[in-house]
Amino acid sequence: MKKIFFFIIIALSFVACTSEGGRKHDNPNTQNTDKQHSHFESKQNKLAVNVYIENSGSMAGYVNGYTDFKDAVGNYLTDIQISGISNSLNLFFINKRADRINTDINTYLTRLTTSCNASTSDIAKIFKLVLTNTTGNQISIFVTDGIFSPEKRKNAVDYLKEQQKDIKEDMANYLKTYPNTTVTVYHLSSRFNGIYYNCTTSKKWTLK
């Protein structure tokens, strides 16, 4: 049995150059002053590529053994690495915060198995965090299973409606600053061997 996951790319267009050959500066009000999340601005006019994989508990089943998930995501990231379009491929796990993982692609995907420990995930807040940390001349790749996980005793249907509104508003605000942004969504499937929760009960389901 297969479980669907989403592969989301947020691509930001190049920062424009002025007629004098200089570079327009990003809006200083939108720049993240946190050094951890500065995301290594691209050098020599090459794109900086930042990769975020959500590490909620439901993601663990995608990396239990050698899976379609590892194959698809690993090959995609390797293609980026060897293409020459970027001189910095930066790997992160993301949930309530973005944590830099300083390792190679294979180890990055393997480490995800033991790092998926968040009991809930606020996809709207995660999506906003990715947007906040994507500035000029960068591409952000956000990988998630798209499962909206509210806290216990919270109506999942109402929660999903709230998330939809928050994502729509955050994207609209982002486009005001970066109107040339391109968003591409890939909808893929993978074998899944793990546990996730039904949206109306606490019953656990295991798929293989």
N, C-alpha and C. Protein backbone atom coordinates (compact mmCIF):
# COMPACT_ATOMS: atom_id res chain seq x y z
N MET A 1 0.85 -1.20 0.00
CA MET A 1 0.00 0.00 0.00
C MET A 1 0.88 1.25 0.00
N LYS A 2 0.43 2.26 -0.71
CA LYS A 2 1.24 3.46 -0.83
C LYS A 2 0.54 4.66 -0.19
N LYS A 3 1.34 5.55 0.30
CA LYS A 3 0.84 6.76 0.94
C LYS A 3 1.38 7.97 0.18
N ILE A 4 0.52 8.92 -0.07
CA ILE A 4 0.89 10.09 -0.87
C ILE A 4 1.70 11.08 -0.05
N PHE A 5 2.72 11.68 -0.68
CA PHE A 5 3.39 12.81 -0.05
C PHE A 5 3.56 13.91 -1.08
N PHE A 6 3.87 15.10 -0.62
CA PHE A 6 3.99 16.26 -1.50
C PHE A 6 5.43 16.73 -1.55
N PHE A 7 5.86 17.08 -2.72
CA PHE A 7 7.20 17.60 -2.93
C PHE A 7 7.03 19.01 -3.45
N ILE A 8 7.29 20.00 -2.66
CA ILE A 8 6.96 21.38 -2.99
C ILE A 8 8.23 22.19 -3.21
N ILE A 9 8.29 22.88 -4.33
CA ILE A 9 9.43 23.74 -4.62
C ILE A 9 8.96 25.19 -4.64
N ILE A 10 9.64 26.02 -3.90
CA ILE A 10 9.38 27.46 -3.94
C ILE A 10 10.59 28.11 -4.59
N ALA A 11 10.43 28.58 -5.80
CA ALA A 11 11.57 29.14 -6.55
C ALA A 11 11.44 30.65 -6.60
N LEU A 12 12.49 31.34 -6.15
CA LEU A 12 12.49 32.80 -6.16
C LEU A 12 13.33 33.28 -7.32
N SER A 13 12.81 34.22 -8.08
CA SER A 13 13.52 34.73 -9.25
C SER A 13 14.79 35.47 -8.84
N PHE A 14 15.69 35.63 -9.81
CA PHE A 14 16.94 36.35 -9.55
C PHE A 14 16.67 37.78 -9.10
N VAL A 15 17.53 38.28 -8.24
CA VAL A 15 17.45 39.68 -7.84
C VAL A 15 17.85 40.54 -9.03
N ALA A 16 17.04 41.52 -9.35
CA ALA A 16 17.28 42.34 -10.54
C ALA A 16 18.49 43.24 -10.37
N CYS A 17 19.07 43.65 -11.50
CA CYS A 17 20.20 44.57 -11.49
C CYS A 17 19.72 45.94 -11.94
N THR A 18 20.34 46.98 -11.41
CA THR A 18 19.98 48.34 -11.79
C THR A 18 20.65 48.68 -13.11
N SER A 19 20.25 49.81 -13.69
CA SER A 19 20.83 50.23 -14.96
C SER A 19 22.31 50.55 -14.83
N GLU A 20 22.76 50.88 -13.61
CA GLU A 20 24.16 51.18 -13.39
C GLU A 20 24.98 49.92 -13.17
N GLY A 21 24.31 48.77 -13.26
CA GLY A 21 25.04 47.52 -13.07
C GLY A 21 25.07 47.07 -11.63
N GLY A 22 24.47 47.86 -10.76
CA GLY A 22 24.45 47.47 -9.36
C GLY A 22 23.30 46.52 -9.09
N ARG A 23 23.23 46.05 -7.85
CA ARG A 23 22.22 45.07 -7.48
C ARG A 23 21.21 45.72 -6.54
N LYS A 24 19.95 45.54 -6.85
CA LYS A 24 18.92 46.05 -5.96
C LYS A 24 18.95 45.28 -4.66
N HIS A 25 18.75 45.97 -3.57
CA HIS A 25 18.76 45.32 -2.27
C HIS A 25 17.37 44.84 -1.91
N ASP A 26 17.32 43.72 -1.21
CA ASP A 26 16.04 43.22 -0.72
C ASP A 26 15.50 44.20 0.32
N ASN A 27 14.21 44.18 0.48
CA ASN A 27 13.59 45.00 1.51
C ASN A 27 14.18 44.65 2.86
N PRO A 28 14.86 45.58 3.55
CA PRO A 28 15.51 45.25 4.82
C PRO A 28 14.55 44.78 5.87
N ASN A 29 13.26 45.17 5.74
CA ASN A 29 12.28 44.75 6.73
C ASN A 29 11.94 43.27 6.63
N THR A 30 12.28 42.64 5.48
CA THR A 30 11.93 41.23 5.30
C THR A 30 13.12 40.32 5.55
N GLN A 31 14.30 40.89 5.77
CA GLN A 31 15.48 40.06 5.95
C GLN A 31 15.50 39.48 7.36
N ASN A 32 15.87 38.22 7.46
CA ASN A 32 15.95 37.54 8.74
C ASN A 32 17.30 37.82 9.35
N THR A 33 17.32 38.42 10.53
CA THR A 33 18.58 38.79 11.16
C THR A 33 19.21 37.64 11.90
N ASP A 34 18.53 36.56 12.04
CA ASP A 34 19.07 35.39 12.71
C ASP A 34 20.11 34.73 11.81
N LYS A 35 21.36 34.66 12.25
CA LYS A 35 22.43 34.11 11.42
C LYS A 35 22.18 32.66 11.05
N GLN A 36 21.53 31.92 11.96
CA GLN A 36 21.28 30.51 11.70
C GLN A 36 20.39 30.33 10.49
N HIS A 37 19.53 31.33 10.22
CA HIS A 37 18.57 31.21 9.15
C HIS A 37 18.85 32.17 8.00
N SER A 38 20.06 32.67 7.91
CA SER A 38 20.40 33.55 6.80
C SER A 38 20.48 32.78 5.49
N HIS A 39 20.72 31.48 5.61
CA HIS A 39 20.66 30.55 4.48
C HIS A 39 21.64 30.84 3.37
N PHE A 40 22.81 31.37 3.79
CA PHE A 40 23.96 31.29 2.92
C PHE A 40 23.70 31.85 1.52
N GLU A 41 23.58 33.16 1.44
CA GLU A 41 23.28 33.80 0.17
C GLU A 41 24.22 33.33 -0.93
N SER A 42 23.69 33.22 -2.12
CA SER A 42 24.47 32.66 -3.22
C SER A 42 25.63 33.57 -3.58
N LYS A 43 26.71 32.95 -4.04
CA LYS A 43 27.90 33.67 -4.43
C LYS A 43 28.07 33.57 -5.94
N GLN A 44 28.74 34.59 -6.48
CA GLN A 44 29.04 34.61 -7.92
C GLN A 44 27.78 34.43 -8.76
N ASN A 45 26.68 35.02 -8.32
CA ASN A 45 25.41 35.03 -9.05
C ASN A 45 24.79 33.64 -9.24
N LYS A 46 25.23 32.64 -8.50
CA LYS A 46 24.61 31.34 -8.57
C LYS A 46 23.53 31.24 -7.50
N LEU A 47 22.56 30.39 -7.79
CA LEU A 47 21.46 30.21 -6.85
C LEU A 47 21.91 29.47 -5.60
N ALA A 48 21.40 29.92 -4.46
CA ALA A 48 21.54 29.15 -3.23
C ALA A 48 20.30 28.27 -3.12
N VAL A 49 20.48 26.98 -2.90
CA VAL A 49 19.37 26.05 -2.81
C VAL A 49 19.28 25.53 -1.37
N ASN A 50 18.15 25.77 -0.73
CA ASN A 50 17.92 25.34 0.64
C ASN A 50 16.83 24.27 0.65
N VAL A 51 17.12 23.13 1.27
CA VAL A 51 16.22 21.98 1.26
C VAL A 51 15.67 21.77 2.67
N TYR A 52 14.36 21.72 2.79
CA TYR A 52 13.70 21.52 4.08
C TYR A 52 12.84 20.26 4.02
N ILE A 53 13.13 19.29 4.86
CA ILE A 53 12.27 18.11 4.98
C ILE A 53 11.59 18.17 6.34
N GLU A 54 10.27 18.12 6.32
CA GLU A 54 9.51 18.12 7.58
C GLU A 54 9.83 16.84 8.35
N ASN A 55 10.05 16.97 9.67
CA ASN A 55 10.41 15.81 10.46
C ASN A 55 9.38 15.49 11.54
N SER A 56 8.10 15.57 11.17
CA SER A 56 7.05 15.11 12.08
C SER A 56 7.05 13.59 12.12
N GLY A 57 6.36 13.01 13.11
CA GLY A 57 6.37 11.57 13.28
C GLY A 57 5.86 10.81 12.07
N SER A 58 4.92 11.37 11.33
CA SER A 58 4.33 10.67 10.18
C SER A 58 5.29 10.51 9.03
N MET A 59 6.42 11.23 9.05
CA MET A 59 7.38 11.14 7.95
C MET A 59 8.31 9.93 8.08
N ALA A 60 8.38 9.34 9.27
CA ALA A 60 9.35 8.26 9.51
C ALA A 60 9.13 7.06 8.60
N GLY A 61 7.86 6.76 8.29
CA GLY A 61 7.57 5.59 7.47
C GLY A 61 8.09 5.67 6.05
N TYR A 62 8.43 6.86 5.60
CA TYR A 62 8.96 7.03 4.24
C TYR A 62 10.43 6.68 4.14
N VAL A 63 11.11 6.65 5.27
CA VAL A 63 12.56 6.42 5.24
C VAL A 63 12.94 5.19 6.06
N ASN A 64 11.98 4.29 6.26
CA ASN A 64 12.21 3.04 6.98
C ASN A 64 12.74 2.01 5.99
N GLY A 65 14.06 1.91 5.90
CA GLY A 65 14.67 1.08 4.87
C GLY A 65 14.90 1.89 3.61
N TYR A 66 15.20 1.20 2.51
CA TYR A 66 15.40 1.91 1.25
C TYR A 66 14.05 2.04 0.55
N THR A 67 13.54 3.26 0.43
CA THR A 67 12.18 3.50 -0.04
C THR A 67 12.17 4.34 -1.30
N ASP A 68 10.98 4.42 -1.91
CA ASP A 68 10.78 5.30 -3.07
C ASP A 68 11.09 6.75 -2.70
N PHE A 69 10.76 7.11 -1.47
CA PHE A 69 11.01 8.47 -0.99
C PHE A 69 12.50 8.79 -1.07
N LYS A 70 13.33 7.93 -0.48
CA LYS A 70 14.77 8.16 -0.50
C LYS A 70 15.30 8.21 -1.93
N ASP A 71 14.79 7.33 -2.76
CA ASP A 71 15.25 7.25 -4.14
C ASP A 71 14.91 8.53 -4.89
N ALA A 72 13.65 8.97 -4.80
CA ALA A 72 13.19 10.15 -5.54
C ALA A 72 13.86 11.43 -5.04
N VAL A 73 13.81 11.64 -3.73
CA VAL A 73 14.37 12.87 -3.17
C VAL A 73 15.88 12.88 -3.28
N GLY A 74 16.51 11.73 -3.00
CA GLY A 74 17.97 11.64 -3.09
C GLY A 74 18.48 11.93 -4.49
N ASN A 75 17.84 11.34 -5.50
CA ASN A 75 18.25 11.57 -6.88
C ASN A 75 18.03 13.01 -7.30
N TYR A 76 16.90 13.60 -6.86
CA TYR A 76 16.60 14.98 -7.21
C TYR A 76 17.67 15.93 -6.65
N LEU A 77 18.02 15.71 -5.38
CA LEU A 77 19.02 16.58 -4.75
C LEU A 77 20.41 16.36 -5.35
N THR A 78 20.72 15.13 -5.72
CA THR A 78 22.00 14.85 -6.36
C THR A 78 22.09 15.53 -7.72
N ASP A 79 20.99 15.52 -8.47
CA ASP A 79 20.96 16.20 -9.77
C ASP A 79 21.24 17.69 -9.60
N ILE A 80 20.67 18.29 -8.55
CA ILE A 80 20.92 19.71 -8.29
C ILE A 80 22.40 19.93 -7.96
N GLN A 81 22.92 19.03 -7.14
CA GLN A 81 24.31 19.17 -6.68
C GLN A 81 25.32 19.10 -7.82
N ILE A 82 25.07 18.23 -8.78
CA ILE A 82 26.04 18.05 -9.88
C ILE A 82 25.73 18.92 -11.09
N SER A 83 24.62 19.65 -11.06
CA SER A 83 24.21 20.44 -12.22
C SER A 83 25.02 21.70 -12.42
N GLY A 84 25.58 22.23 -11.33
CA GLY A 84 26.33 23.47 -11.43
C GLY A 84 25.49 24.72 -11.31
N ILE A 85 24.18 24.57 -11.10
CA ILE A 85 23.33 25.77 -10.98
C ILE A 85 23.49 26.44 -9.62
N SER A 86 24.05 25.71 -8.65
CA SER A 86 24.19 26.25 -7.31
C SER A 86 25.56 25.89 -6.75
N ASN A 87 26.12 26.82 -5.98
CA ASN A 87 27.38 26.51 -5.29
C ASN A 87 27.13 26.26 -3.80
N SER A 88 25.85 26.16 -3.42
CA SER A 88 25.54 25.85 -2.02
C SER A 88 24.21 25.12 -1.94
N LEU A 89 24.28 23.85 -1.53
CA LEU A 89 23.09 23.04 -1.30
C LEU A 89 23.01 22.83 0.20
N ASN A 90 22.04 23.48 0.85
CA ASN A 90 21.96 23.53 2.30
C ASN A 90 20.78 22.70 2.79
N LEU A 91 21.05 21.75 3.68
CA LEU A 91 20.06 20.76 4.11
C LEU A 91 19.55 21.07 5.50
N PHE A 92 18.21 20.96 5.66
CA PHE A 92 17.58 21.28 6.94
C PHE A 92 16.49 20.26 7.27
N PHE A 93 16.25 20.02 8.54
CA PHE A 93 15.01 19.44 9.03
C PHE A 93 14.18 20.60 9.54
N ILE A 94 12.87 20.53 9.34
CA ILE A 94 12.03 21.66 9.73
C ILE A 94 10.75 21.20 10.42
N ASN A 95 10.40 21.89 11.48
CA ASN A 95 9.12 21.75 12.14
C ASN A 95 8.82 23.07 12.84
N LYS A 96 9.03 23.13 14.13
CA LYS A 96 8.84 24.42 14.80
C LYS A 96 9.98 25.37 14.49
N ARG A 97 11.10 24.82 14.03
CA ARG A 97 12.26 25.62 13.63
C ARG A 97 12.98 24.88 12.52
N ALA A 98 13.92 25.55 11.88
CA ALA A 98 14.73 24.94 10.83
C ALA A 98 16.11 24.64 11.40
N ASP A 99 16.50 23.37 11.38
CA ASP A 99 17.80 22.95 11.90
C ASP A 99 18.71 22.53 10.75
N ARG A 100 19.87 23.16 10.64
CA ARG A 100 20.83 22.84 9.58
C ARG A 100 21.45 21.47 9.86
N ILE A 101 21.53 20.63 8.83
CA ILE A 101 22.14 19.32 8.93
C ILE A 101 23.38 19.31 8.04
N ASN A 102 24.53 19.32 8.68
CA ASN A 102 25.80 19.39 7.95
C ASN A 102 26.29 17.99 7.62
N THR A 103 25.80 17.45 6.53
CA THR A 103 26.18 16.11 6.13
C THR A 103 25.91 15.93 4.65
N ASP A 104 26.21 14.73 4.13
CA ASP A 104 25.92 14.46 2.73
C ASP A 104 24.46 14.06 2.55
N ILE A 105 24.01 13.95 1.31
CA ILE A 105 22.60 13.72 1.02
C ILE A 105 22.12 12.37 1.57
N ASN A 106 22.89 11.30 1.36
CA ASN A 106 22.46 9.98 1.83
C ASN A 106 22.32 9.94 3.35
N THR A 107 23.28 10.50 4.06
CA THR A 107 23.22 10.52 5.52
C THR A 107 22.07 11.39 6.00
N TYR A 108 21.84 12.46 5.30
CA TYR A 108 20.72 13.37 5.61
C TYR A 108 19.40 12.61 5.58
N LEU A 109 19.16 11.83 4.53
CA LEU A 109 17.91 11.08 4.42
C LEU A 109 17.84 9.94 5.43
N THR A 110 18.96 9.30 5.70
CA THR A 110 18.98 8.21 6.68
C THR A 110 18.71 8.75 8.08
N ARG A 111 19.29 9.89 8.40
CA ARG A 111 19.12 10.48 9.74
C ARG A 111 17.68 10.90 9.99
N LEU A 112 16.93 11.12 8.94
CA LEU A 112 15.53 11.51 9.10
C LEU A 112 14.74 10.46 9.86
N THR A 113 15.11 9.18 9.71
CA THR A 113 14.39 8.08 10.35
C THR A 113 14.30 8.26 11.85
N THR A 114 15.40 8.65 12.47
CA THR A 114 15.44 8.82 13.93
C THR A 114 15.14 10.25 14.36
N SER A 115 14.91 11.13 13.41
CA SER A 115 14.66 12.54 13.74
C SER A 115 13.19 12.91 13.65
N CYS A 116 12.35 11.98 13.20
CA CYS A 116 10.92 12.27 13.07
C CYS A 116 10.22 12.02 14.40
N ASN A 117 10.24 13.03 15.27
CA ASN A 117 9.72 12.84 16.61
C ASN A 117 8.72 13.91 17.06
N ALA A 118 8.34 14.80 16.15
CA ALA A 118 7.36 15.83 16.52
C ALA A 118 5.96 15.23 16.47
N SER A 119 5.21 15.35 17.57
CA SER A 119 3.89 14.72 17.65
C SER A 119 2.84 15.46 16.83
N THR A 120 3.00 16.75 16.66
CA THR A 120 2.07 17.55 15.87
C THR A 120 2.86 18.41 14.88
N SER A 121 2.17 18.89 13.86
CA SER A 121 2.83 19.77 12.91
C SER A 121 1.84 20.81 12.42
N ASP A 122 2.26 22.06 12.45
CA ASP A 122 1.46 23.17 11.95
C ASP A 122 2.02 23.52 10.58
N ILE A 123 1.44 22.93 9.52
CA ILE A 123 1.98 23.11 8.18
C ILE A 123 2.00 24.58 7.77
N ALA A 124 0.99 25.34 8.16
CA ALA A 124 0.94 26.76 7.79
C ALA A 124 2.13 27.51 8.38
N LYS A 125 2.47 27.22 9.64
CA LYS A 125 3.61 27.89 10.26
C LYS A 125 4.92 27.44 9.65
N ILE A 126 5.00 26.15 9.30
CA ILE A 126 6.21 25.64 8.65
C ILE A 126 6.38 26.30 7.29
N PHE A 127 5.29 26.38 6.53
CA PHE A 127 5.32 27.00 5.21
C PHE A 127 5.75 28.47 5.32
N LYS A 128 5.24 29.17 6.33
CA LYS A 128 5.61 30.57 6.54
C LYS A 128 7.09 30.69 6.88
N LEU A 129 7.60 29.73 7.67
CA LEU A 129 9.02 29.75 8.03
C LEU A 129 9.90 29.58 6.80
N VAL A 130 9.48 28.70 5.89
CA VAL A 130 10.22 28.53 4.63
C VAL A 130 10.21 29.83 3.83
N LEU A 131 9.04 30.45 3.73
CA LEU A 131 8.94 31.71 2.99
C LEU A 131 9.81 32.80 3.62
N THR A 132 9.76 32.91 4.93
CA THR A 132 10.53 33.93 5.63
C THR A 132 12.02 33.79 5.37
N ASN A 133 12.47 32.55 5.25
CA ASN A 133 13.90 32.30 5.08
C ASN A 133 14.32 32.19 3.62
N THR A 134 13.42 32.52 2.70
CA THR A 134 13.75 32.51 1.27
C THR A 134 13.81 33.95 0.77
N THR A 135 15.03 34.41 0.49
CA THR A 135 15.21 35.79 0.04
C THR A 135 15.75 35.79 -1.38
N GLY A 136 16.32 36.91 -1.81
CA GLY A 136 16.72 37.06 -3.20
C GLY A 136 17.69 36.02 -3.71
N ASN A 137 17.48 35.58 -4.94
CA ASN A 137 18.39 34.68 -5.63
C ASN A 137 18.49 33.31 -4.96
N GLN A 138 17.39 32.81 -4.44
CA GLN A 138 17.38 31.53 -3.75
C GLN A 138 16.23 30.64 -4.21
N ILE A 139 16.44 29.35 -4.06
CA ILE A 139 15.37 28.38 -4.25
C ILE A 139 15.22 27.60 -2.96
N SER A 140 13.99 27.43 -2.49
CA SER A 140 13.72 26.61 -1.32
C SER A 140 12.89 25.41 -1.73
N ILE A 141 13.33 24.24 -1.32
CA ILE A 141 12.61 23.00 -1.60
C ILE A 141 12.06 22.49 -0.27
N PHE A 142 10.75 22.35 -0.21
CA PHE A 142 10.06 21.93 1.01
C PHE A 142 9.41 20.58 0.76
N VAL A 143 9.80 19.58 1.52
CA VAL A 143 9.29 18.23 1.36
C VAL A 143 8.44 17.86 2.57
N THR A 144 7.20 17.46 2.33
CA THR A 144 6.28 17.14 3.41
C THR A 144 5.25 16.12 2.94
N ASP A 145 4.67 15.39 3.87
CA ASP A 145 3.58 14.48 3.49
C ASP A 145 2.24 15.21 3.46
N GLY A 146 2.25 16.47 3.82
CA GLY A 146 1.03 17.28 3.73
C GLY A 146 -0.05 16.91 4.73
N ILE A 147 0.31 16.16 5.78
CA ILE A 147 -0.68 15.78 6.80
C ILE A 147 -0.77 16.89 7.84
N PHE A 148 -1.95 17.41 8.01
CA PHE A 148 -2.19 18.46 8.99
C PHE A 148 -2.52 17.80 10.32
N SER A 149 -1.69 18.01 11.32
CA SER A 149 -1.80 17.28 12.58
C SER A 149 -2.14 18.22 13.73
N PRO A 150 -3.41 18.40 14.03
CA PRO A 150 -3.79 19.27 15.14
C PRO A 150 -3.51 18.60 16.47
N GLU A 151 -3.56 19.41 17.52
CA GLU A 151 -3.41 18.85 18.85
C GLU A 151 -4.64 18.03 19.21
N LYS A 152 -4.54 17.22 20.25
CA LYS A 152 -5.65 16.38 20.66
C LYS A 152 -6.86 17.23 21.03
N ARG A 153 -8.02 16.67 20.76
CA ARG A 153 -9.31 17.29 21.08
C ARG A 153 -9.59 18.53 20.24
N LYS A 154 -8.85 18.72 19.15
CA LYS A 154 -9.11 19.82 18.23
C LYS A 154 -9.71 19.27 16.97
N ASN A 155 -10.81 19.85 16.50
CA ASN A 155 -11.51 19.37 15.32
C ASN A 155 -10.62 19.49 14.09
N ALA A 156 -10.33 18.35 13.46
CA ALA A 156 -9.40 18.33 12.33
C ALA A 156 -9.94 19.08 11.12
N VAL A 157 -11.25 19.01 10.89
CA VAL A 157 -11.84 19.69 9.73
C VAL A 157 -11.74 21.20 9.89
N ASP A 158 -12.08 21.71 11.06
CA ASP A 158 -11.96 23.15 11.31
C ASP A 158 -10.51 23.60 11.24
N TYR A 159 -9.63 22.76 11.77
CA TYR A 159 -8.21 23.07 11.77
C TYR A 159 -7.69 23.20 10.35
N LEU A 160 -8.13 22.32 9.47
CA LEU A 160 -7.69 22.35 8.08
C LEU A 160 -8.14 23.63 7.39
N LYS A 161 -9.36 24.09 7.70
CA LYS A 161 -9.85 25.34 7.12
C LYS A 161 -9.01 26.52 7.58
N GLU A 162 -8.62 26.52 8.86
CA GLU A 162 -7.78 27.58 9.39
C GLU A 162 -6.42 27.59 8.70
N GLN A 163 -5.85 26.39 8.50
CA GLN A 163 -4.56 26.27 7.84
C GLN A 163 -4.62 26.81 6.41
N GLN A 164 -5.69 26.50 5.72
CA GLN A 164 -5.85 26.97 4.35
C GLN A 164 -5.83 28.49 4.27
N LYS A 165 -6.54 29.13 5.18
CA LYS A 165 -6.58 30.60 5.20
C LYS A 165 -5.21 31.18 5.52
N ASP A 166 -4.52 30.57 6.50
CA ASP A 166 -3.20 31.09 6.90
C ASP A 166 -2.20 30.98 5.75
N ILE A 167 -2.20 29.85 5.05
CA ILE A 167 -1.26 29.66 3.94
C ILE A 167 -1.56 30.65 2.82
N LYS A 168 -2.83 30.85 2.52
CA LYS A 168 -3.22 31.79 1.47
C LYS A 168 -2.75 33.21 1.82
N GLU A 169 -2.95 33.62 3.07
CA GLU A 169 -2.56 34.96 3.50
C GLU A 169 -1.04 35.13 3.47
N ASP A 170 -0.31 34.12 3.97
CA ASP A 170 1.16 34.21 3.99
C ASP A 170 1.74 34.28 2.59
N MET A 171 1.18 33.51 1.67
CA MET A 171 1.67 33.54 0.30
C MET A 171 1.38 34.88 -0.36
N ALA A 172 0.20 35.44 -0.11
CA ALA A 172 -0.16 36.74 -0.67
C ALA A 172 0.78 37.83 -0.16
N ASN A 173 1.10 37.80 1.12
CA ASN A 173 2.02 38.79 1.70
C ASN A 173 3.43 38.63 1.13
N TYR A 174 3.84 37.40 0.92
CA TYR A 174 5.17 37.15 0.37
C TYR A 174 5.28 37.70 -1.05
N LEU A 175 4.22 37.53 -1.83
CA LEU A 175 4.23 38.00 -3.22
C LEU A 175 4.27 39.52 -3.32
N LYS A 176 3.87 40.20 -2.27
CA LYS A 176 3.96 41.66 -2.28
C LYS A 176 5.42 42.10 -2.30
N THR A 177 6.27 41.34 -1.63
CA THR A 177 7.69 41.65 -1.60
C THR A 177 8.45 41.05 -2.77
N TYR A 178 8.06 39.80 -3.15
CA TYR A 178 8.73 39.10 -4.25
C TYR A 178 7.69 38.67 -5.28
N PRO A 179 7.21 39.62 -6.10
CA PRO A 179 6.10 39.32 -7.02
C PRO A 179 6.45 38.34 -8.13
N ASN A 180 7.73 38.10 -8.38
CA ASN A 180 8.12 37.20 -9.47
C ASN A 180 8.38 35.78 -8.99
N THR A 181 7.96 35.47 -7.80
CA THR A 181 8.16 34.13 -7.25
C THR A 181 7.39 33.08 -8.06
N THR A 182 8.01 31.92 -8.23
CA THR A 182 7.36 30.78 -8.88
C THR A 182 7.24 29.64 -7.89
N VAL A 183 6.09 29.01 -7.84
CA VAL A 183 5.86 27.86 -6.97
C VAL A 183 5.49 26.65 -7.82
N THR A 184 6.23 25.56 -7.65
CA THR A 184 5.95 24.32 -8.37
C THR A 184 5.67 23.23 -7.35
N VAL A 185 4.60 22.47 -7.57
CA VAL A 185 4.21 21.41 -6.65
C VAL A 185 4.30 20.06 -7.34
N TYR A 186 5.02 19.11 -6.75
CA TYR A 186 5.09 17.74 -7.23
C TYR A 186 4.33 16.84 -6.27
N HIS A 187 3.46 16.04 -6.82
CA HIS A 187 2.65 15.13 -6.01
C HIS A 187 3.11 13.72 -6.31
N LEU A 188 3.80 13.08 -5.38
CA LEU A 188 4.41 11.78 -5.60
C LEU A 188 3.84 10.74 -4.64
N SER A 189 4.24 9.49 -4.83
CA SER A 189 3.83 8.43 -3.91
C SER A 189 5.03 7.59 -3.53
N SER A 190 4.93 6.92 -2.39
CA SER A 190 6.04 6.11 -1.90
C SER A 190 5.52 4.98 -1.03
N ARG A 191 6.27 3.90 -0.97
CA ARG A 191 5.97 2.86 0.01
C ARG A 191 6.12 3.46 1.40
N PHE A 192 5.27 3.04 2.31
CA PHE A 192 5.25 3.60 3.65
C PHE A 192 5.19 2.46 4.66
N ASN A 193 6.14 2.43 5.57
CA ASN A 193 6.17 1.40 6.61
C ASN A 193 6.35 2.08 7.95
N GLY A 194 5.23 2.41 8.58
CA GLY A 194 5.28 3.15 9.83
C GLY A 194 3.91 3.38 10.41
N ILE A 195 3.79 4.42 11.21
CA ILE A 195 2.54 4.70 11.93
C ILE A 195 2.08 6.12 11.65
N TYR A 196 0.79 6.26 11.44
CA TYR A 196 0.19 7.59 11.42
C TYR A 196 -1.16 7.50 12.09
N TYR A 197 -1.82 8.64 12.29
CA TYR A 197 -3.05 8.66 13.07
C TYR A 197 -4.24 9.08 12.21
N ASN A 198 -5.36 8.41 12.45
CA ASN A 198 -6.61 8.77 11.82
C ASN A 198 -7.01 10.18 12.25
N CYS A 199 -7.66 10.95 11.37
CA CYS A 199 -7.98 12.34 11.69
C CYS A 199 -9.12 12.48 12.70
N THR A 200 -9.87 11.40 12.94
CA THR A 200 -11.00 11.50 13.87
C THR A 200 -10.80 10.69 15.14
N THR A 201 -9.83 9.79 15.16
CA THR A 201 -9.56 9.00 16.36
C THR A 201 -8.06 8.91 16.57
N SER A 202 -7.68 8.27 17.67
CA SER A 202 -6.27 8.11 17.96
C SER A 202 -5.75 6.76 17.48
N LYS A 203 -6.55 6.06 16.69
CA LYS A 203 -6.18 4.74 16.20
C LYS A 203 -4.95 4.83 15.31
N LYS A 204 -4.00 3.91 15.50
CA LYS A 204 -2.79 3.89 14.71
C LYS A 204 -2.97 2.96 13.51
N TRP A 205 -2.42 3.39 12.40
CA TRP A 205 -2.46 2.58 11.19
C TRP A 205 -1.04 2.28 10.75
N THR A 206 -0.75 1.06 10.40
CA THR A 206 0.56 0.69 9.90
C THR A 206 0.43 0.20 8.47
N LEU A 207 1.16 0.80 7.56
CA LEU A 207 1.12 0.42 6.16
C LEU A 207 2.45 -0.15 5.74
N LYS A 208 2.42 -1.15 4.89
CA LYS A 208 3.65 -1.73 4.38
C LYS A 208 3.55 -1.86 2.86
